[in-house]
C-alpha atoms as a PDB file:
ATOM      1  CA  MET A   1    -113.204 127.012-133.977  1.00  0.00           C
ATOM      2  CA  TRP A   2    -110.707 129.396-132.990  1.00  0.00           C
ATOM      3  CA  ILE A   3    -111.653 131.159-129.934  1.00  0.00           C
ATOM      4  CA  LEU A   4    -112.890 128.409-127.846  1.00  0.00           C
ATOM      5  CA  PRO A   5    -109.587 126.604-128.015  1.00  0.00           C
ATOM      6  CA  LEU A   6    -107.806 129.830-126.802  1.00  0.00           C
ATOM      7  CA  VAL A   7    -110.431 130.045-124.035  1.00  0.00           C
ATOM      8  CA  GLY A   8    -109.485 126.212-123.061  1.00  0.00           C
ATOM      9  CA  ILE A   9    -105.645 127.192-122.955  1.00  0.00           C
ATOM     10  CA  LEU A  10    -106.543 130.278-120.808  1.00  0.00           C
ATOM     11  CA  GLY A  11    -108.678 128.276-118.494  1.00  0.00           C
ATOM     12  CA  SER A  12    -106.035 125.692-117.981  1.00  0.00           C
ATOM     13  CA  ILE A  13    -103.098 128.179-117.118  1.00  0.00           C
ATOM     14  CA  VAL A  14    -105.617 129.924-114.741  1.00  0.00           C
ATOM     15  CA  GLY A  15    -106.307 126.238-112.962  1.00  0.00           C
ATOM     16  CA  PHE A  16    -102.821 125.452-113.075  1.00  0.00           C
ATOM     17  CA  CYS A  17    -102.011 128.819-111.355  1.00  0.00           C
ATOM     18  CA  PHE A  18    -104.688 128.121-108.718  1.00  0.00           C
ATOM     19  CA  LEU A  19    -103.716 124.893-108.075  1.00  0.00           C
ATOM     20  CA  THR A  20     -99.960 125.858-107.503  1.00  0.00           C
ATOM     21  CA  LEU A  21    -101.209 128.310-105.222  1.00  0.00           C
ATOM     22  CA  ALA A  22    -103.306 125.951-103.193  1.00  0.00           C
ATOM     23  CA  ILE A  23    -100.450 123.440-102.867  1.00  0.00           C
ATOM     24  CA  ALA A  24     -97.969 126.358-102.024  1.00  0.00           C
ATOM     25  CA  SER A  25    -100.622 127.549 -99.179  1.00  0.00           C
ATOM     26  CA  GLY A  26    -100.883 123.723 -97.841  1.00  0.00           C
ATOM     27  CA  LEU A  27     -97.124 123.230 -97.635  1.00  0.00           C
ATOM     28  CA  TYR A  28     -96.810 126.597 -95.726  1.00  0.00           C
ATOM     29  CA  TYR A  29     -99.656 125.872 -93.279  1.00  0.00           C
ATOM     30  CA  LEU A  30     -98.230 122.437 -92.514  1.00  0.00           C
ATOM     31  CA  SER A  31     -94.830 123.848 -92.121  1.00  0.00           C
ATOM     32  CA  GLU A  32     -96.294 126.113 -89.341  1.00  0.00           C
ATOM     33  CA  LEU A  33     -98.043 123.144 -87.717  1.00  0.00           C
ATOM     34  CA  VAL A  34     -94.844 121.346 -87.484  1.00  0.00           C
ATOM     35  CA  GLU A  35     -92.862 124.034 -86.116  1.00  0.00           C
ATOM     36  CA  GLU A  36     -95.318 124.575 -83.160  1.00  0.00           C
ATOM     37  CA  HIS A  37     -95.937 121.000 -82.561  1.00  0.00           C
ATOM     38  CA  THR A  38     -92.506 119.293 -83.274  1.00  0.00           C
ATOM     39  CA  VAL A  39     -93.060 116.553 -80.659  1.00  0.00           C
ATOM     40  CA  ILE A  40     -96.154 115.557 -81.698  1.00  0.00           C
ATOM     41  CA  SER A  41     -95.204 115.616 -85.561  1.00  0.00           C
ATOM     42  CA  LYS A  42     -92.143 113.472 -84.626  1.00  0.00           C
ATOM     43  CA  ARG A  43     -94.226 110.862 -83.173  1.00  0.00           C
ATOM     44  CA  LEU A  44     -96.674 110.933 -85.824  1.00  0.00           C
ATOM     45  CA  LEU A  45     -94.115 110.432 -88.665  1.00  0.00           C
ATOM     46  CA  SER A  46     -92.410 107.758 -86.753  1.00  0.00           C
ATOM     47  CA  ARG A  47     -95.669 105.844 -86.522  1.00  0.00           C
ATOM     48  CA  LEU A  48     -96.435 106.442 -89.982  1.00  0.00           C
ATOM     49  CA  ILE A  49     -93.140 104.962 -91.131  1.00  0.00           C
ATOM     50  CA  TYR A  50     -93.759 101.807 -89.152  1.00  0.00           C
ATOM     51  CA  GLY A  51     -97.272 101.773 -90.159  1.00  0.00           C
ATOM     52  CA  ILE A  52     -96.251 101.798 -94.151  1.00  0.00           C
ATOM     53  CA  ILE A  53     -93.488  99.171 -93.364  1.00  0.00           C
ATOM     54  CA  VAL A  54     -96.308  96.781 -92.053  1.00  0.00           C
ATOM     55  CA  LEU A  55     -98.420  97.762 -95.036  1.00  0.00           C
ATOM     56  CA  ASP A  56     -95.649  96.559 -97.315  1.00  0.00           C
ATOM     57  CA  LEU A  57     -95.258  93.269 -95.571  1.00  0.00           C
ATOM     58  CA  LEU A  58     -98.973  92.667 -95.844  1.00  0.00           C
ATOM     59  CA  LEU A  59     -98.947  93.553 -99.564  1.00  0.00           C
ATOM     60  CA  CYS A  60     -96.035  91.134 -99.920  1.00  0.00           C
ATOM     61  CA  PHE A  61     -97.619  87.990 -98.105  1.00  0.00           C
ATOM     62  CA  VAL A  62    -101.105  88.374 -98.857  1.00  0.00           C
ATOM     63  CA  ASP A  63    -101.127  90.039-102.531  1.00  0.00           C
ATOM     64  CA  ARG A  64     -97.980  88.656-103.491  1.00  0.00           C
ATOM     65  CA  PHE A  65     -96.166  91.688-104.263  1.00  0.00           C
ATOM     66  CA  PRO A  66     -92.525  90.970-105.226  1.00  0.00           C
ATOM     67  CA  PHE A  67     -90.082  90.060-102.180  1.00  0.00           C
ATOM     68  CA  TRP A  68     -87.070  92.039-103.483  1.00  0.00           C
ATOM     69  CA  LEU A  69     -88.791  95.133-104.423  1.00  0.00           C
ATOM     70  CA  THR A  70     -90.914  95.099-100.894  1.00  0.00           C
ATOM     71  CA  LEU A  71     -87.653  94.599 -99.073  1.00  0.00           C
ATOM     72  CA  PHE A  72     -86.007  97.541-100.977  1.00  0.00           C
ATOM     73  CA  GLY A  73     -89.009  99.666 -99.934  1.00  0.00           C
ATOM     74  CA  ILE A  74     -88.736  98.671 -96.334  1.00  0.00           C
ATOM     75  CA  VAL A  75     -85.002  99.482 -96.108  1.00  0.00           C
ATOM     76  CA  SER A  76     -85.672 102.836 -97.817  1.00  0.00           C
ATOM     77  CA  HIS A  77     -88.077 103.717 -94.794  1.00  0.00           C
ATOM     78  CA  VAL A  78     -85.774 102.421 -92.304  1.00  0.00           C
ATOM     79  CA  VAL A  79     -83.353 105.096 -93.880  1.00  0.00           C
ATOM     80  CA  TYR A  80     -85.914 107.667 -93.884  1.00  0.00           C
ATOM     81  CA  LEU A  81     -86.733 106.834 -90.234  1.00  0.00           C
ATOM     82  CA  GLY A  82     -82.851 107.533 -89.725  1.00  0.00           C
ATOM     83  CA  ASN A  83     -83.664 111.293 -90.310  1.00  0.00           C
ATOM     84  CA  MET A  84     -85.493 111.381 -87.178  1.00  0.00           C
ATOM     85  CA  ARG A  85     -82.563 111.275 -85.057  1.00  0.00           C
ATOM     86  CA  ARG A  86     -82.300 115.215 -84.727  1.00  0.00           C
ATOM     87  CA  PHE A  87     -85.805 116.309 -85.776  1.00  0.00           C
ATOM     88  CA  PRO A  88     -86.784 118.683 -86.874  1.00  0.00           C
ATOM     89  CA  TYR A  89     -83.227 119.756 -87.894  1.00  0.00           C
ATOM     90  CA  VAL A  90     -81.374 118.122 -91.008  1.00  0.00           C
ATOM     91  CA  THR A  91     -78.060 118.916 -92.546  1.00  0.00           C
ATOM     92  CA  LEU A  92     -78.383 118.789 -96.359  1.00  0.00           C
ATOM     93  CA  THR A  93     -74.867 117.302 -96.672  1.00  0.00           C
ATOM     94  CA  ASP A  94     -75.614 114.667 -94.422  1.00  0.00           C
ATOM     95  CA  PRO A  95     -75.037 111.279 -96.198  1.00  0.00           C
ATOM     96  CA  LEU A  96     -78.106 109.948 -94.582  1.00  0.00           C
ATOM     97  CA  PHE A  97     -80.047 112.722 -96.044  1.00  0.00           C
ATOM     98  CA  ILE A  98     -78.516 112.421 -99.555  1.00  0.00           C
ATOM     99  CA  THR A  99     -79.060 108.558 -99.206  1.00  0.00           C
ATOM    100  CA  SER A 100     -82.786 109.399 -98.634  1.00  0.00           C
ATOM    101  CA  CYS A 101     -83.103 111.457-101.524  1.00  0.00           C
ATOM    102  CA  VAL A 102     -81.669 108.914-103.815  1.00  0.00           C
ATOM    103  CA  LEU A 103     -83.528 106.083-102.534  1.00  0.00           C
ATOM    104  CA  VAL A 104     -86.880 108.037-103.095  1.00  0.00           C
ATOM    105  CA  LEU A 105     -86.114 108.410-106.748  1.00  0.00           C
ATOM    106  CA  ILE A 106     -84.936 104.826-107.146  1.00  0.00           C
ATOM    107  CA  ASN A 107     -87.987 103.344-105.145  1.00  0.00           C
ATOM    108  CA  HIS A 108     -90.131 105.341-107.594  1.00  0.00           C
ATOM    109  CA  LEU A 109     -88.459 103.986-110.578  1.00  0.00           C
ATOM    110  CA  VAL A 110     -88.296 100.269-109.791  1.00  0.00           C
ATOM    111  CA  TRP A 111     -92.044 100.289-108.721  1.00  0.00           C
ATOM    112  CA  TYR A 112     -92.967 102.014-112.015  1.00  0.00           C
ATOM    113  CA  ARG A 113     -91.074  99.715-113.940  1.00  0.00           C
ATOM    114  CA  HIS A 114     -92.752  96.860-112.033  1.00  0.00           C
ATOM    115  CA  PHE A 115     -96.227  97.957-112.708  1.00  0.00           C
ATOM    116  CA  SER A 116     -95.697  98.900-116.263  1.00  0.00           C
ATOM    117  CA  ALA A 117     -94.133  95.543-116.983  1.00  0.00           C
ATOM    118  CA  ARG A 118     -97.001  93.734-115.195  1.00  0.00           C
ATOM    119  CA  GLN A 119     -99.687  95.881-117.033  1.00  0.00           C
ATOM    120  CA  LYS A 120     -97.910  94.932-120.554  1.00  0.00           C
ATOM    121  CA  ASN A 121     -97.603  91.392-119.723  1.00  0.00           C
ATOM    122  CA  ALA A 122    -101.196  91.230-118.881  1.00  0.00           C
ATOM    123  CA  TYR A 123    -102.285  92.753-122.058  1.00  0.00           C
ATOM    124  CA  ASN A 124    -100.090  90.634-124.013  1.00  0.00           C
ATOM    125  CA  ASN A 125    -101.600  87.324-122.665  1.00  0.00           C
ATOM    126  CA  MET A 126    -105.299  88.509-123.525  1.00  0.00           C
ATOM    127  CA  SER A 127    -106.755  86.225-126.149  1.00  0.00           C
ATOM    128  CA  SER A 128    -109.199  89.099-127.407  1.00  0.00           C
ATOM    129  CA  TYR A 129    -109.071  92.796-127.613  1.00  0.00           C
ATOM    130  CA  TYR A 130    -112.328  92.780-125.544  1.00  0.00           C
ATOM    131  CA  ASP A 131    -110.938  90.553-122.674  1.00  0.00           C
ATOM    132  CA  THR A 132    -110.291  92.192-119.492  1.00  0.00           C
ATOM    133  CA  PRO A 133    -106.624  91.410-117.791  1.00  0.00           C
ATOM    134  CA  ASP A 134    -106.812  89.171-114.945  1.00  0.00           C
ATOM    135  CA  ASP A 135    -105.666  90.245-111.608  1.00  0.00           C
ATOM    136  CA  MET A 136    -104.229  93.432-112.844  1.00  0.00           C
ATOM    137  CA  PRO A 137    -104.307  96.677-110.327  1.00  0.00           C
ATOM    138  CA  THR A 138    -106.290  99.401-111.318  1.00  0.00           C
ATOM    139  CA  PHE A 139    -105.059 102.997-111.876  1.00  0.00           C
ATOM    140  CA  THR A 140    -106.631 104.070-108.673  1.00  0.00           C
ATOM    141  CA  GLU A 141    -104.707 101.206-106.570  1.00  0.00           C
ATOM    142  CA  ILE A 142    -101.548 101.837-108.280  1.00  0.00           C
ATOM    143  CA  ALA A 143    -101.749 105.758-107.860  1.00  0.00           C
ATOM    144  CA  SER A 144    -102.735 104.864-104.186  1.00  0.00           C
ATOM    145  CA  TYR A 145     -99.611 102.758-103.628  1.00  0.00           C
ATOM    146  CA  PHE A 146     -97.442 105.211-105.088  1.00  0.00           C
ATOM    147  CA  GLY A 147     -99.051 107.813-103.060  1.00  0.00           C
ATOM    148  CA  ILE A 148     -99.060 106.038 -99.481  1.00  0.00           C
ATOM    149  CA  CYS A 149     -96.014 103.688 -99.801  1.00  0.00           C
ATOM    150  CA  VAL A 150     -93.718 105.482-101.995  1.00  0.00           C
ATOM    151  CA  TRP A 151     -94.126 109.231-101.792  1.00  0.00           C
ATOM    152  CA  LEU A 152     -96.010 110.007 -98.526  1.00  0.00           C
ATOM    153  CA  VAL A 153     -93.084 109.608 -96.086  1.00  0.00           C
ATOM    154  CA  PRO A 154     -90.420 111.568 -98.250  1.00  0.00           C
ATOM    155  CA  PHE A 155     -92.921 114.358 -98.815  1.00  0.00           C
ATOM    156  CA  ALA A 156     -93.971 114.466 -95.002  1.00  0.00           C
ATOM    157  CA  LEU A 157     -90.282 114.775 -94.144  1.00  0.00           C
ATOM    158  CA  PHE A 158     -89.852 117.529 -96.667  1.00  0.00           C
ATOM    159  CA  VAL A 159     -92.683 119.530 -94.995  1.00  0.00           C
ATOM    160  CA  SER A 160     -91.342 118.715 -91.495  1.00  0.00           C
ATOM    161  CA  LEU A 161     -87.649 118.921 -91.595  1.00  0.00           C
ATOM    162  CA  SER A 162     -85.635 122.059 -91.145  1.00  0.00           C
ATOM    163  CA  ALA A 163     -82.160 122.614 -93.052  1.00  0.00           C
ATOM    164  CA  SER A 164     -79.590 124.155 -90.809  1.00  0.00           C
ATOM    165  CA  ASP A 165     -79.344 127.356 -93.161  1.00  0.00           C
ATOM    166  CA  ASN A 166     -83.042 127.799 -92.299  1.00  0.00           C
ATOM    167  CA  ILE A 167     -82.840 128.157 -88.299  1.00  0.00           C
ATOM    168  CA  LEU A 168     -83.806 131.576 -87.586  1.00  0.00           C
ATOM    169  CA  PRO A 169     -83.345 133.769 -84.806  1.00  0.00           C
ATOM    170  CA  TYR A 170     -86.178 134.974 -82.679  1.00  0.00           C
ATOM    171  CA  GLU A 171     -87.228 136.368 -79.361  1.00  0.00           C
ATOM    172  CA  ASN A 172     -88.346 134.603 -76.688  1.00  0.00           C
ATOM    173  CA  PRO A 173     -90.122 136.663 -73.916  1.00  0.00           C
ATOM    174  CA  ALA A 174     -89.702 134.067 -71.199  1.00  0.00           C
ATOM    175  CA  ALA A 175     -85.874 133.854 -71.852  1.00  0.00           C
ATOM    176  CA  ALA A 176     -85.516 137.609 -72.263  1.00  0.00           C
ATOM    177  CA  ALA A 177     -86.100 138.093 -68.535  1.00  0.00           C
ATOM    178  CA  GLY A 178     -83.335 135.676 -68.077  1.00  0.00           C
ATOM    179  CA  GLY A 179     -80.963 137.826 -69.903  1.00  0.00           C
ATOM    180  CA  ASP A 180     -80.845 135.455 -72.989  1.00  0.00           C
ATOM    181  CA  GLY A 181     -84.089 136.617 -75.133  1.00  0.00           C
ATOM    182  CA  SER A 182     -82.191 135.254 -78.357  1.00  0.00           C
ATOM    183  CA  GLN A 183     -83.222 131.812 -79.369  1.00  0.00           C
ATOM    184  CA  LYS A 184     -83.311 129.759 -82.653  1.00  0.00           C
ATOM    185  CA  LYS A 185     -86.518 128.772 -84.294  1.00  0.00           C
ATOM    186  CA  ALA A 186     -86.611 126.126 -87.100  1.00  0.00           C
ATOM    187  CA  GLN A 187     -88.189 126.970 -90.631  1.00  0.00           C
ATOM    188  CA  GLY A 188     -89.247 123.970 -92.694  1.00  0.00           C
ATOM    189  CA  MET A 189     -87.557 123.440 -95.845  1.00  0.00           C
ATOM    190  CA  ALA A 190     -91.043 123.694 -97.449  1.00  0.00           C
ATOM    191  CA  LYS A 191     -91.815 126.945 -95.867  1.00  0.00           C
ATOM    192  CA  ALA A 192     -88.344 128.330 -97.147  1.00  0.00           C
ATOM    193  CA  LEU A 193     -88.989 127.089-100.436  1.00  0.00           C
ATOM    194  CA  VAL A 194     -92.449 128.924-100.646  1.00  0.00           C
ATOM    195  CA  ASP A 195     -90.804 132.044 -99.028  1.00  0.00           C
ATOM    196  CA  GLY A 196     -88.136 132.176-101.397  1.00  0.00           C
ATOM    197  CA  VAL A 197     -90.265 131.939-104.443  1.00  0.00           C
ATOM    198  CA  ARG A 198     -92.637 134.490-102.906  1.00  0.00           C
ATOM    199  CA  ASN A 199     -89.496 137.039-102.433  1.00  0.00           C
ATOM    200  CA  ALA A 200     -88.083 136.062-105.940  1.00  0.00           C
ATOM    201  CA  ILE A 201     -91.485 137.410-107.352  1.00  0.00           C
ATOM    202  CA  GLY A 202     -91.622 140.260-105.385  1.00  0.00           C
ATOM    203  CA  GLN A 203     -88.159 141.342-106.773  1.00  0.00           C
ATOM    204  CA  VAL A 204     -89.048 140.599-110.248  1.00  0.00           C
ATOM    205  CA  GLY A 205     -92.149 143.124-109.524  1.00  0.00           C
ATOM    206  CA  ILE A 206     -89.889 145.656-108.096  1.00  0.00           C
ATOM    207  CA  ALA A 207     -87.354 145.584-111.073  1.00  0.00           C
ATOM    208  CA  ALA A 208     -90.515 145.655-113.583  1.00  0.00           C
ATOM    209  CA  GLY A 209     -91.727 148.459-111.787  1.00  0.00           C
ATOM    210  CA  TRP A 210     -95.190 146.815-110.944  1.00  0.00           C
ATOM    211  CA  LYS A 211     -94.712 147.432-107.112  1.00  0.00           C
ATOM    212  CA  LYS A 212     -92.670 149.830-104.794  1.00  0.00           C
ATOM    213  CA  ARG A 213     -89.719 148.548-102.867  1.00  0.00           C
ATOM    214  CA  ASP A 214     -91.438 149.371 -99.558  1.00  0.00           C
ATOM    215  CA  ASP A 215     -94.602 147.759-100.418  1.00  0.00           C
ATOM    216  CA  GLY A 216     -95.225 144.135 -99.104  1.00  0.00           C
ATOM    217  CA  PHE A 217     -95.729 141.207-101.206  1.00  0.00           C
END
């Protein structure tokens, strides 16, 4: 077969493009919601962090998750909570923000190594190839743990927080009557990223002659 594999590759590329557009649209929409409801967003994020800390403790005491890795995860979420001080603004050179980024990667790495080693030991202890490993988390359980306890809060902070360079001036009609109509509006990092990619694609289109400069993208 020659044509069908090409169709499969083309379908994979199209599916990836649609998935990327869907994720970008979702990030943009979530950033818009956070910009309009910063107080509610801060409250929800704070409660989410506390909830995940409680969940980590339950996993440690009930399901016998490793104590030191659980403690490291809790400390990481306490550091994430520190970014809520000036929500939704954040300075990219702030040591606390940089520490949070490093902790996200380390937290993912240590838990990945833990589950990989646990799976390897479980299969090594099987007496037969057809046996089922005892007390081994399924792929769904492991993926859910990573999604909720490792990546959910960092992803939410990425969508919600606004870098200092992304604070845009805008006109406030209510303040304009008092003589000061210029205020600042936060732009989320996720929204700034999507805008940057969109503008870059637009510039490539202009350079290639696919669109006129005065056209919108």
